Structures are given as structure tokens and as C-alpha cells.
Amino acid sequence: MNKPLLIDIMLDGRFVQQLRYDRRGFPEMIDGEFVESHRREDIEAFVYEKRPSLKGKPIKIEIASQKVFIK
């Protein structure tokens, strides 16, 4: 079983949220970049589905290096 992909969402250089992307067929990463561009579009669609208020804003999607714990 594949591990889920943890995605950090940044807006204007600030952390907004971390999302767990565990849909089958998530993209492979090479040097911190998505291997297939159409899959990046799938991830962007997933982010906008979860956070519609971010649509049209200059967000940056990064692969998380660790899980965020909120107290």
C-alpha cells in the first residue's frame, strides 16, 4: 500500500495548511518536482476542492518533509 502524500500549501510565503493526498496514483517526485504535469493539475484541483477560497490566489504547493502537528 502506498503512503499518503503530505502537501504543504503556502500563500505569500506563509504556511496555510497541510493536506493529506491519499488518492491512488499520486505522482512520483524527482528532485522535488512532480514527474508528470497532468498529475500536478490533479493535485491542484484537490487543493482547490478542499480550500476553494484559495482559487485564483498565488499559492505554492510543496511536498511536506514532515507532518505538521497542531496542539
PDB file of N, CA and C in Angstrom:
ATOM      1  N   MET A   1       0.836  -1.193   0.000  1.00  0.00           N
ATOM      2  CA  MET A   1       0.000   0.000   0.000  1.00  0.00           C
ATOM      3  C   MET A   1       0.875   1.249   0.000  1.00  0.00           C
ATOM      4  N   ASN A   2       0.511   2.219  -0.824  1.00  0.00           N
ATOM      5  CA  ASN A   2       1.257   3.469  -0.916  1.00  0.00           C
ATOM      6  C   ASN A   2       0.981   4.348   0.291  1.00  0.00           C
ATOM      7  N   LYS A   3       2.028   5.027   0.744  1.00  0.00           N
ATOM      8  CA  LYS A   3       1.844   6.003   1.809  1.00  0.00           C
ATOM      9  C   LYS A   3       1.172   7.236   1.235  1.00  0.00           C
ATOM     10  N   PRO A   4       0.398   7.948   2.047  1.00  0.00           N
ATOM     11  CA  PRO A   4      -0.211   9.182   1.532  1.00  0.00           C
ATOM     12  C   PRO A   4       0.855  10.249   1.311  1.00  0.00           C
ATOM     13  N   LEU A   5       0.563  11.133   0.386  1.00  0.00           N
ATOM     14  CA  LEU A   5       1.440  12.252   0.097  1.00  0.00           C
ATOM     15  C   LEU A   5       0.970  13.426   0.945  1.00  0.00           C
ATOM     16  N   LEU A   6       1.872  14.029   1.701  1.00  0.00           N
ATOM     17  CA  LEU A   6       1.538  15.201   2.507  1.00  0.00           C
ATOM     18  C   LEU A   6       1.939  16.447   1.734  1.00  0.00           C
ATOM     19  N   ILE A   7       0.990  17.359   1.567  1.00  0.00           N
ATOM     20  CA  ILE A   7       1.189  18.558   0.769  1.00  0.00           C
ATOM     21  C   ILE A   7       1.092  19.783   1.667  1.00  0.00           C
ATOM     22  N   ASP A   8       2.095  20.646   1.599  1.00  0.00           N
ATOM     23  CA  ASP A   8       2.050  21.932   2.292  1.00  0.00           C
ATOM     24  C   ASP A   8       1.552  22.986   1.319  1.00  0.00           C
ATOM     25  N   ILE A   9       0.641  23.821   1.764  1.00  0.00           N
ATOM     26  CA  ILE A   9       0.125  24.907   0.946  1.00  0.00           C
ATOM     27  C   ILE A   9       0.640  26.213   1.533  1.00  0.00           C
ATOM     28  N   MET A  10       1.283  27.002   0.662  1.00  0.00           N
ATOM     29  CA  MET A  10       1.861  28.272   1.074  1.00  0.00           C
ATOM     30  C   MET A  10       1.177  29.394   0.300  1.00  0.00           C
ATOM     31  N   LEU A  11       0.969  30.525   0.966  1.00  0.00           N
ATOM     32  CA  LEU A  11       0.400  31.711   0.329  1.00  0.00           C
ATOM     33  C   LEU A  11       1.222  32.901   0.763  1.00  0.00           C
ATOM     34  N   ASP A  12       1.801  33.605  -0.176  1.00  0.00           N
ATOM     35  CA  ASP A  12       2.665  34.754   0.104  1.00  0.00           C
ATOM     36  C   ASP A  12       3.789  34.394   1.076  1.00  0.00           C
ATOM     37  N   GLY A  13       4.366  33.208   0.896  1.00  0.00           N
ATOM     38  CA  GLY A  13       5.487  32.779   1.723  1.00  0.00           C
ATOM     39  C   GLY A  13       5.118  32.296   3.114  1.00  0.00           C
ATOM     40  N   ARG A  14       3.825  32.195   3.399  1.00  0.00           N
ATOM     41  CA  ARG A  14       3.380  31.743   4.723  1.00  0.00           C
ATOM     42  C   ARG A  14       2.630  30.422   4.610  1.00  0.00           C
ATOM     43  N   PHE A  15       2.853  29.572   5.601  1.00  0.00           N
ATOM     44  CA  PHE A  15       2.176  28.285   5.651  1.00  0.00           C
ATOM     45  C   PHE A  15       0.683  28.483   5.878  1.00  0.00           C
ATOM     46  N   VAL A  16      -0.147  27.824   5.064  1.00  0.00           N
ATOM     47  CA  VAL A  16      -1.598  27.910   5.205  1.00  0.00           C
ATOM     48  C   VAL A  16      -2.140  26.631   5.815  1.00  0.00           C
ATOM     49  N   GLN A  17      -1.808  25.498   5.208  1.00  0.00           N
ATOM     50  CA  GLN A  17      -2.366  24.227   5.662  1.00  0.00           C
ATOM     51  C   GLN A  17      -1.565  23.083   5.069  1.00  0.00           C
ATOM     52  N   GLN A  18      -1.629  21.944   5.764  1.00  0.00           N
ATOM     53  CA  GLN A  18      -1.070  20.715   5.222  1.00  0.00           C
ATOM     54  C   GLN A  18      -2.230  19.782   4.912  1.00  0.00           C
ATOM     55  N   LEU A  19      -2.227  19.219   3.718  1.00  0.00           N
ATOM     56  CA  LEU A  19      -3.280  18.294   3.319  1.00  0.00           C
ATOM     57  C   LEU A  19      -2.695  16.918   3.069  1.00  0.00           C
ATOM     58  N   ARG A  20      -3.495  15.925   3.348  1.00  0.00           N
ATOM     59  CA  ARG A  20      -3.109  14.540   3.094  1.00  0.00           C
ATOM     60  C   ARG A  20      -3.752  14.122   1.779  1.00  0.00           C
ATOM     61  N   TYR A  21      -2.924  13.787   0.807  1.00  0.00           N
ATOM     62  CA  TYR A  21      -3.400  13.384  -0.516  1.00  0.00           C
ATOM     63  C   TYR A  21      -3.156  11.885  -0.641  1.00  0.00           C
ATOM     64  N   ASP A  22      -4.200  11.092  -0.422  1.00  0.00           N
ATOM     65  CA  ASP A  22      -4.004   9.646  -0.469  1.00  0.00           C
ATOM     66  C   ASP A  22      -4.798   8.984  -1.584  1.00  0.00           C
ATOM     67  N   ARG A  23      -5.091   9.740  -2.625  1.00  0.00           N
ATOM     68  CA  ARG A  23      -5.749   9.145  -3.781  1.00  0.00           C
ATOM     69  C   ARG A  23      -4.749   8.268  -4.517  1.00  0.00           C
ATOM     70  N   ARG A  24      -5.242   7.204  -5.077  1.00  0.00           N
ATOM     71  CA  ARG A  24      -4.361   6.275  -5.781  1.00  0.00           C
ATOM     72  C   ARG A  24      -3.715   6.960  -6.973  1.00  0.00           C
ATOM     73  N   GLY A  25      -2.492   6.592  -7.234  1.00  0.00           N
ATOM     74  CA  GLY A  25      -1.791   7.106  -8.391  1.00  0.00           C
ATOM     75  C   GLY A  25      -1.193   8.479  -8.197  1.00  0.00           C
ATOM     76  N   PHE A  26      -0.880   8.858  -6.941  1.00  0.00           N
ATOM     77  CA  PHE A  26      -0.266  10.166  -6.760  1.00  0.00           C
ATOM     78  C   PHE A  26       1.106  10.183  -7.436  1.00  0.00           C
ATOM     79  N   PRO A  27       1.542  11.333  -7.842  1.00  0.00           N
ATOM     80  CA  PRO A  27       2.752  11.419  -8.679  1.00  0.00           C
ATOM     81  C   PRO A  27       4.027  11.097  -7.926  1.00  0.00           C
ATOM     82  N   GLU A  28       5.002  10.652  -8.670  1.00  0.00           N
ATOM     83  CA  GLU A  28       6.324  10.426  -8.114  1.00  0.00           C
ATOM     84  C   GLU A  28       7.086  11.749  -8.148  1.00  0.00           C
ATOM     85  N   MET A  29       8.009  11.884  -7.215  1.00  0.00           N
ATOM     86  CA  MET A  29       8.802  13.105  -7.150  1.00  0.00           C
ATOM     87  C   MET A  29      10.238  12.801  -7.560  1.00  0.00           C
ATOM     88  N   ILE A  30      10.814  13.695  -8.356  1.00  0.00           N
ATOM     89  CA  ILE A  30      12.229  13.627  -8.690  1.00  0.00           C
ATOM     90  C   ILE A  30      12.795  15.016  -8.449  1.00  0.00           C
ATOM     91  N   ASP A  31      13.743  15.104  -7.530  1.00  0.00           N
ATOM     92  CA  ASP A  31      14.361  16.379  -7.167  1.00  0.00           C
ATOM     93  C   ASP A  31      13.328  17.422  -6.766  1.00  0.00           C
ATOM     94  N   GLY A  32      12.296  17.012  -6.049  1.00  0.00           N
ATOM     95  CA  GLY A  32      11.289  17.933  -5.544  1.00  0.00           C
ATOM     96  C   GLY A  32      10.286  18.411  -6.570  1.00  0.00           C
ATOM     97  N   GLU A  33      10.265  17.791  -7.769  1.00  0.00           N
ATOM     98  CA  GLU A  33       9.331  18.192  -8.812  1.00  0.00           C
ATOM     99  C   GLU A  33       8.431  17.013  -9.179  1.00  0.00           C
ATOM    100  N   PHE A  34       7.201  17.329  -9.551  1.00  0.00           N
ATOM    101  CA  PHE A  34       6.290  16.294  -9.996  1.00  0.00           C
ATOM    102  C   PHE A  34       6.765  15.748 -11.335  1.00  0.00           C
ATOM    103  N   VAL A  35       6.709  14.422 -11.495  1.00  0.00           N
ATOM    104  CA  VAL A  35       7.192  13.793 -12.712  1.00  0.00           C
ATOM    105  C   VAL A  35       6.264  14.086 -13.890  1.00  0.00           C
ATOM    106  N   GLU A  36       4.956  14.004 -13.705  1.00  0.00           N
ATOM    107  CA  GLU A  36       4.015  14.214 -14.796  1.00  0.00           C
ATOM    108  C   GLU A  36       3.168  15.453 -14.514  1.00  0.00           C
ATOM    109  N   SER A  37       3.097  16.361 -15.480  1.00  0.00           N
ATOM    110  CA  SER A  37       2.419  17.633 -15.255  1.00  0.00           C
ATOM    111  C   SER A  37       0.920  17.476 -15.074  1.00  0.00           C
ATOM    112  N   HIS A  38       0.298  16.506 -15.756  1.00  0.00           N
ATOM    113  CA  HIS A  38      -1.145  16.362 -15.595  1.00  0.00           C
ATOM    114  C   HIS A  38      -1.502  15.927 -14.179  1.00  0.00           C
ATOM    115  N   ARG A  39      -0.630  15.251 -13.521  1.00  0.00           N
ATOM    116  CA  ARG A  39      -0.885  14.872 -12.142  1.00  0.00           C
ATOM    117  C   ARG A  39      -0.781  16.079 -11.218  1.00  0.00           C
ATOM    118  N   ARG A  40       0.081  17.000 -11.537  1.00  0.00           N
ATOM    119  CA  ARG A  40       0.151  18.236 -10.747  1.00  0.00           C
ATOM    120  C   ARG A  40      -1.195  18.947 -10.819  1.00  0.00           C
ATOM    121  N   GLU A  41      -1.804  18.937 -11.984  1.00  0.00           N
ATOM    122  CA  GLU A  41      -3.126  19.537 -12.141  1.00  0.00           C
ATOM    123  C   GLU A  41      -4.144  18.824 -11.258  1.00  0.00           C
ATOM    124  N   ASP A  42      -4.019  17.506 -11.131  1.00  0.00           N
ATOM    125  CA  ASP A  42      -4.918  16.750 -10.247  1.00  0.00           C
ATOM    126  C   ASP A  42      -4.745  17.194  -8.802  1.00  0.00           C
ATOM    127  N   ILE A  43      -3.503  17.407  -8.397  1.00  0.00           N
ATOM    128  CA  ILE A  43      -3.235  17.835  -7.026  1.00  0.00           C
ATOM    129  C   ILE A  43      -3.749  19.255  -6.802  1.00  0.00           C
ATOM    130  N   GLU A  44      -3.549  20.129  -7.782  1.00  0.00           N
ATOM    131  CA  GLU A  44      -4.075  21.491  -7.656  1.00  0.00           C
ATOM    132  C   GLU A  44      -5.598  21.468  -7.548  1.00  0.00           C
ATOM    133  N   ALA A  45      -6.255  20.629  -8.340  1.00  0.00           N
ATOM    134  CA  ALA A  45      -7.717  20.509  -8.265  1.00  0.00           C
ATOM    135  C   ALA A  45      -8.144  20.008  -6.893  1.00  0.00           C
ATOM    136  N   PHE A  46      -7.384  19.073  -6.323  1.00  0.00           N
ATOM    137  CA  PHE A  46      -7.668  18.551  -4.991  1.00  0.00           C
ATOM    138  C   PHE A  46      -7.551  19.663  -3.945  1.00  0.00           C
ATOM    139  N   VAL A  47      -6.504  20.488  -4.051  1.00  0.00           N
ATOM    140  CA  VAL A  47      -6.303  21.593  -3.107  1.00  0.00           C
ATOM    141  C   VAL A  47      -7.467  22.571  -3.189  1.00  0.00           C
ATOM    142  N   TYR A  48      -7.876  22.932  -4.409  1.00  0.00           N
ATOM    143  CA  TYR A  48      -8.978  23.878  -4.578  1.00  0.00           C
ATOM    144  C   TYR A  48     -10.317  23.281  -4.158  1.00  0.00           C
ATOM    145  N   GLU A  49     -10.431  21.960  -4.237  1.00  0.00           N
ATOM    146  CA  GLU A  49     -11.642  21.296  -3.754  1.00  0.00           C
ATOM    147  C   GLU A  49     -11.732  21.412  -2.231  1.00  0.00           C
ATOM    148  N   LYS A  50     -10.596  21.237  -1.572  1.00  0.00           N
ATOM    149  CA  LYS A  50     -10.554  21.312  -0.105  1.00  0.00           C
ATOM    150  C   LYS A  50     -10.563  22.750   0.411  1.00  0.00           C
ATOM    151  N   ARG A  51      -9.925  23.664  -0.330  1.00  0.00           N
ATOM    152  CA  ARG A  51      -9.825  25.069   0.074  1.00  0.00           C
ATOM    153  C   ARG A  51     -10.228  25.978  -1.084  1.00  0.00           C
ATOM    154  N   PRO A  52     -11.534  26.066  -1.395  1.00  0.00           N
ATOM    155  CA  PRO A  52     -11.967  26.871  -2.535  1.00  0.00           C
ATOM    156  C   PRO A  52     -11.634  28.353  -2.399  1.00  0.00           C
ATOM    157  N   SER A  53     -11.415  28.833  -1.193  1.00  0.00           N
ATOM    158  CA  SER A  53     -11.086  30.250  -1.002  1.00  0.00           C
ATOM    159  C   SER A  53      -9.708  30.600  -1.568  1.00  0.00           C
ATOM    160  N   LEU A  54      -8.881  29.604  -1.867  1.00  0.00           N
ATOM    161  CA  LEU A  54      -7.543  29.855  -2.394  1.00  0.00           C
ATOM    162  C   LEU A  54      -7.520  29.960  -3.918  1.00  0.00           C
ATOM    163  N   LYS A  55      -8.623  29.646  -4.562  1.00  0.00           N
ATOM    164  CA  LYS A  55      -8.667  29.662  -6.022  1.00  0.00           C
ATOM    165  C   LYS A  55      -8.386  31.075  -6.544  1.00  0.00           C
ATOM    166  N   GLY A  56      -7.476  31.148  -7.505  1.00  0.00           N
ATOM    167  CA  GLY A  56      -7.119  32.433  -8.090  1.00  0.00           C
ATOM    168  C   GLY A  56      -6.046  33.184  -7.322  1.00  0.00           C
ATOM    169  N   LYS A  57      -5.597  32.642  -6.201  1.00  0.00           N
ATOM    170  CA  LYS A  57      -4.550  33.296  -5.407  1.00  0.00           C
ATOM    171  C   LYS A  57      -3.206  32.640  -5.725  1.00  0.00           C
ATOM    172  N   PRO A  58      -2.117  33.361  -5.530  1.00  0.00           N
ATOM    173  CA  PRO A  58      -0.789  32.832  -5.872  1.00  0.00           C
ATOM    174  C   PRO A  58      -0.267  31.852  -4.819  1.00  0.00           C
ATOM    175  N   ILE A  59      -0.825  30.654  -4.819  1.00  0.00           N
ATOM    176  CA  ILE A  59      -0.384  29.663  -3.836  1.00  0.00           C
ATOM    177  C   ILE A  59       0.800  28.872  -4.381  1.00  0.00           C
ATOM    178  N   LYS A  60       1.527  28.275  -3.472  1.00  0.00           N
ATOM    179  CA  LYS A  60       2.628  27.385  -3.816  1.00  0.00           C
ATOM    180  C   LYS A  60       2.357  26.058  -3.133  1.00  0.00           C
ATOM    181  N   ILE A  61       2.430  24.982  -3.891  1.00  0.00           N
ATOM    182  CA  ILE A  61       2.200  23.649  -3.347  1.00  0.00           C
ATOM    183  C   ILE A  61       3.546  22.951  -3.254  1.00  0.00           C
ATOM    184  N   GLU A  62       3.876  22.484  -2.060  1.00  0.00           N
ATOM    185  CA  GLU A  62       5.145  21.810  -1.828  1.00  0.00           C
ATOM    186  C   GLU A  62       4.888  20.454  -1.190  1.00  0.00           C
ATOM    187  N   ILE A  63       5.793  19.540  -1.417  1.00  0.00           N
ATOM    188  CA  ILE A  63       5.722  18.241  -0.760  1.00  0.00           C
ATOM    189  C   ILE A  63       6.288  18.419   0.643  1.00  0.00           C
ATOM    190  N   ALA A  64       5.535  17.970   1.626  1.00  0.00           N
ATOM    191  CA  ALA A  64       5.930  18.147   3.027  1.00  0.00           C
ATOM    192  C   ALA A  64       7.087  17.224   3.370  1.00  0.00           C
ATOM    193  N   SER A  65       8.029  17.742   4.114  1.00  0.00           N
ATOM    194  CA  SER A  65       9.137  16.920   4.577  1.00  0.00           C
ATOM    195  C   SER A  65       8.806  16.240   5.907  1.00  0.00           C
ATOM    196  N   GLN A  66       7.808  16.759   6.599  1.00  0.00           N
ATOM    197  CA  GLN A  66       7.363  16.151   7.852  1.00  0.00           C
ATOM    198  C   GLN A  66       5.923  16.523   8.109  1.00  0.00           C
ATOM    199  N   LYS A  67       5.267  15.749   8.948  1.00  0.00           N
ATOM    200  CA  LYS A  67       3.875  16.010   9.278  1.00  0.00           C
ATOM    201  C   LYS A  67       3.771  17.147  10.283  1.00  0.00           C
ATOM    202  N   VAL A  68       2.792  18.009  10.084  1.00  0.00           N
ATOM    203  CA  VAL A  68       2.568  19.137  10.986  1.00  0.00           C
ATOM    204  C   VAL A  68       1.640  18.681  12.116  1.00  0.00           C
ATOM    205  N   PHE A  69       2.056  18.957  13.336  1.00  0.00           N
ATOM    206  CA  PHE A  69       1.211  18.645  14.481  1.00  0.00           C
ATOM    207  C   PHE A  69       0.716  19.955  15.086  1.00  0.00           C
ATOM    208  N   ILE A  70      -0.585  20.069  15.248  1.00  0.00           N
ATOM    209  CA  ILE A  70      -1.179  21.279  15.818  1.00  0.00           C
ATOM    210  C   ILE A  70      -1.752  20.927  17.181  1.00  0.00           C
ATOM    211  N   LYS A  71      -1.376  21.706  18.184  1.00  0.00           N
ATOM    212  CA  LYS A  71      -1.857  21.457  19.540  1.00  0.00           C
ATOM    213  C   LYS A  71      -3.225  22.024  19.738  1.00  0.00           C
TER     214      LYS A  71
END
